[in-house]
Amino acid sequence: MKALVRARAGLWSMLIVLVALLALAPAPAQAATLINCTGQTEILYSPGLTNQTQAVTYTGEDRATLCISLTHPTLQTFVGPFSGGGQLSCTSLMNASQGTETLYWNGTSTQTSSWTFTYNPVMVGGALVSTVSGPITAGIAAGATLTQVLVLPLTALAACSDPGGLPIQRPTSTWAFTG
């Protein structure tokens, strides 16, 4: 009987030590930021966006004019051209969408990062704030996650009511590569 009591006491002691160790274990680390960039996005619409849905083509470019990284110190800037089209209007800017883009680092075509993204816009106060995020699928920082945040003041959308519509957008952008 004493042996059974000692065995139970020993099990309880081990259980208490195990719970204490689990409680002291560090929380999982958040993904480290590899590269941070700031800049601007420019989107040209033809014809200009109006409040009525119509066939529109667009071309644009993401331009990071300042990048900072401890892990990739030679990466200082990038451009990311994109294009597309569809049945668009100023209100369709609020629709979630998906796409792909290739970023060209430091003005060369030999240093690239390709990514697939999901675009999620929300209205925040007096601005359209869009979060664009997805994985880097190839090239520099492959396997990392890229999150871009674009901020467009709602005053810029006033042109949607003009006869020519909204021909261009230039929201500020930030990019964070984590992984």
Foldseek 3Di string as FASTA:
>chain_A
DVVVVVVVVVVVVVVVVVVVVVVPDDDDDDFDWFKKFWDKKKKFWVQAAAQAWDKIKIKIKDKTQAMPGPNCHVFGIKIKIDIDIDGDHPVCVQPKDKDKIKIDTPPDPVAIWIWIWIWHWDDDVQWIKIWIKTAGCDGPLHPWMKIKIWIFGNVLQVQNHPPSHRGMGMTIMMMTTTD
